[in-house]
Protein backbone atom coordinates (compact mmCIF):
# COMPACT_ATOMS: atom_id res chain seq x y z
CA UNK A 1 -93.81 -105.21 -130.15
CA UNK A 2 -92.65 -108.16 -132.28
CA UNK A 3 -92.94 -110.56 -129.33
CA UNK A 4 -96.45 -109.31 -128.58
CA UNK A 5 -97.54 -109.73 -132.18
CA UNK A 6 -96.03 -113.22 -132.36
CA UNK A 7 -97.89 -114.34 -129.24
CA UNK A 8 -101.12 -112.89 -130.67
CA UNK A 9 -100.64 -114.73 -133.95
CA UNK A 10 -99.94 -117.96 -132.07
CA UNK A 11 -103.06 -117.54 -129.94
CA UNK A 12 -105.18 -117.01 -133.05
CA UNK A 13 -103.63 -120.03 -134.75
CA UNK A 14 -104.65 -122.19 -131.78
CA UNK A 15 -108.33 -121.21 -132.08
CA UNK A 16 -109.10 -123.94 -134.57
CA UNK A 17 -107.30 -126.97 -133.16
CA UNK A 18 -110.41 -128.61 -131.69
CA UNK A 19 -113.11 -127.83 -134.22
CA UNK A 20 -111.69 -129.43 -137.33
CA UNK A 21 -113.27 -132.88 -137.01
CA UNK A 22 -116.66 -132.18 -135.41
CA UNK A 23 -119.89 -132.18 -137.44
CA UNK A 24 -119.56 -128.64 -138.71
CA UNK A 25 -120.43 -126.03 -137.52
CA UNK A 26 -120.39 -127.77 -134.12
CA UNK A 27 -117.26 -127.87 -131.99
CA UNK A 28 -118.57 -130.95 -130.16
CA UNK A 29 -118.31 -134.20 -132.12
CA UNK A 30 -120.92 -136.96 -132.31
CA UNK A 31 -120.45 -140.73 -132.27
CA UNK A 32 -121.52 -141.23 -135.89
CA UNK A 33 -119.21 -143.13 -138.26
CA UNK A 34 -119.23 -143.38 -142.07
CA UNK A 35 -119.63 -147.14 -142.48
CA UNK A 36 -117.09 -149.50 -143.99
CA UNK A 37 -115.68 -148.29 -147.31
CA UNK A 38 -117.47 -144.93 -147.31
CA UNK A 39 -115.65 -141.61 -147.71
CA UNK A 40 -116.70 -138.17 -146.51
CA UNK A 41 -115.16 -134.90 -147.72
CA UNK A 42 -115.57 -131.66 -145.78
CA UNK A 43 -114.36 -128.19 -146.73
CA UNK A 44 -114.87 -125.82 -143.81
CA UNK A 45 -114.13 -122.14 -143.35
CA UNK A 46 -113.93 -120.10 -140.16
CA UNK A 47 -113.41 -116.38 -139.67
CA UNK A 48 -112.57 -115.18 -136.13
CA UNK A 49 -112.23 -111.62 -134.84
CA UNK A 50 -110.79 -110.32 -131.57
CA UNK A 51 -110.43 -106.67 -130.48
CA UNK A 52 -108.56 -106.20 -127.21
CA UNK A 53 -106.85 -103.06 -125.96
CA UNK A 54 -106.69 -101.53 -129.42
CA UNK A 55 -105.14 -104.64 -130.97
CA UNK A 56 -107.39 -105.98 -133.74
CA UNK A 57 -106.89 -109.61 -134.69
CA UNK A 58 -108.47 -111.46 -137.62
CA UNK A 59 -107.94 -115.15 -138.35
CA UNK A 60 -109.35 -117.22 -141.17
CA UNK A 61 -108.97 -120.96 -141.58
CA UNK A 62 -109.81 -123.15 -144.57
CA UNK A 63 -109.76 -126.83 -143.60
CA UNK A 64 -110.07 -129.91 -145.80
CA UNK A 65 -111.13 -133.02 -143.88
CA UNK A 66 -111.35 -136.58 -145.17
CA UNK A 67 -113.11 -139.30 -143.18
CA UNK A 68 -112.88 -142.94 -144.29
CA UNK A 69 -114.80 -145.87 -142.85
CA UNK A 70 -112.21 -148.53 -142.06
CA UNK A 71 -114.95 -150.61 -140.42
CA UNK A 72 -118.62 -149.91 -139.79
CA UNK A 73 -117.69 -148.67 -136.32
CA UNK A 74 -114.25 -147.15 -137.03
CA UNK A 75 -113.32 -144.02 -138.99
CA UNK A 76 -109.90 -142.72 -139.94
CA UNK A 77 -109.89 -138.92 -140.24
CA UNK A 78 -107.31 -136.59 -141.81
CA UNK A 79 -107.48 -132.81 -141.52
CA UNK A 80 -105.33 -130.32 -143.44
CA UNK A 81 -105.84 -126.70 -142.28
CA UNK A 82 -104.62 -123.55 -144.01
CA UNK A 83 -104.63 -120.30 -142.01
CA UNK A 84 -104.60 -116.58 -142.77
CA UNK A 85 -103.85 -114.34 -139.78
CA UNK A 86 -103.73 -110.53 -139.58
CA UNK A 87 -102.92 -108.42 -136.53
CA UNK A 88 -103.25 -104.62 -136.38
CA UNK A 89 -101.50 -102.83 -133.50
CA UNK A 90 -100.78 -99.09 -133.25
CA UNK A 91 -101.01 -98.60 -136.99
CA UNK A 92 -98.79 -101.58 -137.79
CA UNK A 93 -100.16 -104.63 -139.58
CA UNK A 94 -98.64 -108.11 -139.40
CA UNK A 95 -99.87 -110.94 -141.60
CA UNK A 96 -99.05 -114.63 -141.68
CA UNK A 97 -100.48 -117.48 -143.74
CA UNK A 98 -99.69 -121.09 -144.48
CA UNK A 99 -100.49 -124.69 -143.67
CA UNK A 100 -100.99 -125.31 -139.97
CA UNK A 101 -100.49 -128.58 -138.09
CA UNK A 102 -102.03 -131.58 -139.85
CA UNK A 103 -104.42 -133.61 -137.68
CA UNK A 104 -104.98 -137.37 -137.74
CA UNK A 105 -107.74 -139.02 -135.69
CA UNK A 106 -109.33 -142.43 -135.22
CA UNK A 107 -112.96 -142.60 -134.05
CA UNK A 108 -114.20 -145.90 -132.59
CA UNK A 109 -117.90 -146.27 -131.80
CA UNK A 110 -117.81 -149.07 -129.26
CA UNK A 111 -121.40 -149.05 -127.98
CA UNK A 112 -124.84 -148.33 -129.41
CA UNK A 113 -128.28 -149.28 -128.06
CA UNK A 114 -131.70 -147.64 -127.61
CA UNK A 115 -130.53 -144.29 -128.99
CA UNK A 116 -127.45 -144.12 -126.74
CA UNK A 117 -124.00 -144.50 -128.30
CA UNK A 118 -120.45 -144.11 -127.01
CA UNK A 119 -117.17 -143.55 -128.83
CA UNK A 120 -113.48 -142.94 -128.21
CA UNK A 121 -111.40 -140.64 -130.40
CA UNK A 122 -107.62 -140.58 -130.06
CA UNK A 123 -105.80 -138.03 -132.22
CA UNK A 124 -102.34 -136.98 -133.31
CA UNK A 125 -101.19 -133.48 -134.25
CA UNK A 126 -98.23 -133.38 -136.66
CA UNK A 127 -95.93 -130.30 -136.55
CA UNK A 128 -96.33 -129.31 -140.21
CA UNK A 129 -97.05 -125.62 -139.49
CA UNK A 130 -94.29 -123.01 -139.15
CA UNK A 131 -94.04 -122.45 -135.38
CA UNK A 132 -91.75 -119.42 -135.90
CA UNK A 133 -94.69 -117.71 -137.64
CA UNK A 134 -97.19 -118.90 -135.04
CA UNK A 135 -98.87 -121.29 -137.48
CA UNK A 136 -98.04 -124.46 -135.58
CA UNK A 137 -96.99 -125.88 -132.23
CA UNK A 138 -93.50 -126.92 -133.37
CA UNK A 139 -93.88 -130.36 -131.79
CA UNK A 140 -96.10 -133.40 -132.23
CA UNK A 141 -99.00 -133.59 -129.78
CA UNK A 142 -101.89 -135.91 -129.08
CA UNK A 143 -105.43 -135.92 -127.73
CA UNK A 144 -107.93 -138.42 -126.37
CA UNK A 145 -111.69 -137.81 -126.33
CA UNK A 146 -114.72 -139.59 -124.94
CA UNK A 147 -117.94 -138.97 -126.92
CA UNK A 148 -121.53 -139.63 -125.91
CA UNK A 149 -124.58 -139.23 -128.15
CA UNK A 150 -128.20 -139.65 -127.08
CA UNK A 151 -130.92 -139.57 -129.74
CA UNK A 152 -134.62 -139.10 -129.07
CA UNK A 153 -136.25 -138.04 -132.34
CA UNK A 154 -136.22 -135.31 -133.47
CA UNK A 155 -133.51 -134.40 -130.92
CA UNK A 156 -129.91 -135.46 -130.45
CA UNK A 157 -127.51 -134.46 -127.66
CA UNK A 158 -123.72 -134.86 -127.77
CA UNK A 159 -121.15 -134.69 -124.95
CA UNK A 160 -117.37 -134.46 -125.36
CA UNK A 161 -114.78 -134.84 -122.58
CA UNK A 162 -111.18 -134.72 -123.65
CA UNK A 163 -107.52 -134.45 -122.79
CA UNK A 164 -105.06 -132.62 -125.06
CA UNK A 165 -101.29 -132.96 -124.77
CA UNK A 166 -100.27 -129.57 -126.11
CA UNK A 167 -96.59 -130.10 -126.87
CA UNK A 168 -95.24 -126.75 -128.12
CA UNK A 169 -92.29 -124.39 -128.47
CA UNK A 170 -94.12 -121.30 -127.18
CA UNK A 171 -94.09 -122.05 -123.44
CA UNK A 172 -97.82 -122.77 -123.37
CA UNK A 173 -99.43 -125.17 -120.92
CA UNK A 174 -98.99 -128.72 -122.11
CA UNK A 175 -101.82 -130.49 -120.26
CA UNK A 176 -105.25 -129.24 -121.33
CA UNK A 177 -108.79 -130.46 -120.77
CA UNK A 178 -111.90 -129.90 -122.88
CA UNK A 179 -115.60 -130.22 -122.04
CA UNK A 180 -118.49 -129.35 -124.35
CA UNK A 181 -122.16 -130.11 -124.92
CA UNK A 182 -124.16 -129.82 -128.14
CA UNK A 183 -127.77 -130.34 -129.15
CA UNK A 184 -129.48 -130.54 -132.51
CA UNK A 185 -133.08 -130.81 -133.63
CA UNK A 186 -134.41 -131.82 -137.02
CA UNK A 187 -136.73 -128.93 -137.78
CA UNK A 188 -137.70 -130.20 -141.25
CA UNK A 189 -136.72 -133.08 -143.49
CA UNK A 190 -133.72 -131.10 -144.76
CA UNK A 191 -132.96 -128.62 -141.95
CA UNK A 192 -131.21 -129.24 -138.62
CA UNK A 193 -130.82 -126.49 -136.02
CA UNK A 194 -127.77 -126.87 -133.73
CA UNK A 195 -126.45 -125.32 -130.53
CA UNK A 196 -123.19 -125.77 -128.64
CA UNK A 197 -121.52 -124.65 -125.43
CA UNK A 198 -118.13 -125.54 -123.98
CA UNK A 199 -114.85 -124.62 -122.34
CA UNK A 200 -111.26 -125.83 -122.06
CA UNK A 201 -108.22 -125.17 -119.95
CA UNK A 202 -106.39 -122.01 -120.96
CA UNK A 203 -103.12 -122.73 -122.78
CA UNK A 204 -101.80 -119.34 -121.62
CA UNK A 205 -99.82 -119.90 -118.41
CA UNK A 206 -100.61 -116.35 -117.24
CA UNK A 207 -104.36 -117.03 -117.04
CA UNK A 208 -106.35 -119.61 -115.06
CA UNK A 209 -109.66 -118.66 -116.71
CA UNK A 210 -110.88 -121.34 -119.14
CA UNK A 211 -111.99 -119.87 -122.49
CA UNK A 212 -115.71 -120.56 -122.85
CA UNK A 213 -117.96 -120.31 -125.92
CA UNK A 214 -121.53 -120.56 -127.12
CA UNK A 215 -122.54 -121.38 -130.69
CA UNK A 216 -125.68 -121.55 -132.80
CA UNK A 217 -126.13 -122.67 -136.38
CA UNK A 218 -127.94 -124.66 -139.06
CA UNK A 219 -127.17 -127.65 -141.28
CA UNK A 220 -129.14 -127.91 -144.54
CA UNK A 221 -129.22 -131.04 -146.70
CA UNK A 222 -129.28 -130.19 -150.40
CA UNK A 223 -129.40 -133.93 -151.13
CA UNK A 224 -128.95 -137.22 -149.31
CA UNK A 225 -125.15 -136.94 -149.65
CA UNK A 226 -124.55 -133.19 -149.70
CA UNK A 227 -124.90 -130.73 -146.78
CA UNK A 228 -124.12 -127.05 -146.28
CA UNK A 229 -123.84 -125.35 -142.89
CA UNK A 230 -123.53 -121.99 -141.19
CA UNK A 231 -122.80 -121.07 -137.57
CA UNK A 232 -121.93 -118.16 -135.30
CA UNK A 233 -119.71 -118.69 -132.25
CA UNK A 234 -119.34 -116.12 -129.45
CA UNK A 235 -117.04 -115.88 -126.46
CA UNK A 236 -118.59 -116.10 -122.99
CA UNK A 237 -115.56 -114.59 -121.25
CA UNK A 238 -112.48 -112.50 -122.00
CA UNK A 239 -110.01 -115.31 -122.90
CA UNK A 240 -112.33 -116.60 -125.63
CA UNK A 241 -112.37 -114.95 -129.07
CA UNK A 242 -115.05 -112.26 -129.45
CA UNK A 243 -116.87 -114.02 -132.27
CA UNK A 244 -116.39 -116.41 -135.18
CA UNK A 245 -118.39 -117.15 -138.31
CA UNK A 246 -118.27 -120.76 -139.51
CA UNK A 247 -119.43 -122.23 -142.80
CA UNK A 248 -118.81 -125.44 -144.67
CA UNK A 249 -119.87 -128.13 -147.12
CA UNK A 250 -119.96 -131.90 -146.64
CA UNK A 251 -120.15 -134.57 -149.35
CA UNK A 252 -120.39 -138.33 -148.79
CA UNK A 253 -119.14 -140.65 -151.52
């Protein structure tokens, strides 16, 4: 029982490792950078629910993300996630909470012309979460993403292709891939409607089915420097979480 609960907690903790630095509520990132000397603060929340075989799993993450423009085309990004996880199984409830693994990324927009832009985004995951509680991987890992954005007003399309080195102490797969596609349309001066679909290699060695998701949401600009967002993410197959609700705020200094 305790092993099963631990593995469930670990699986829930891993739900958020890719979404922290995208333009919330999207999972897929865009090529946009802040500009030299500018700072962006994001506070994002995500609630995920999974019900499988009578085991009910709830996970909530609150992530604080800082993005700083080192150069006009280069951003340094720091993400600090805090997780709350609850698992109910046969009348027993297990809860865990705490800081998860801190994420550090560098986004470099190396090309931009005629609405097409390209970027590279290497990242480092620091083992700050308690891996014995399932809140972290227990080892430092890294990732490397290619990002493409194509803008044709009022539309924008974003593509992410990535590799994740999932170093861990839980006997998960270490070499993972990620592929996702997002689109957004500016419906009004202040409102953007977004959609997202994607999949990645399953970290669970017992399954060869890539978890796949679909997401829809909105981003509303209260002012030039302040946005709020809301999204709903659903699983397209069994390995993916049943559904998640995402919300957040973004402020640019």
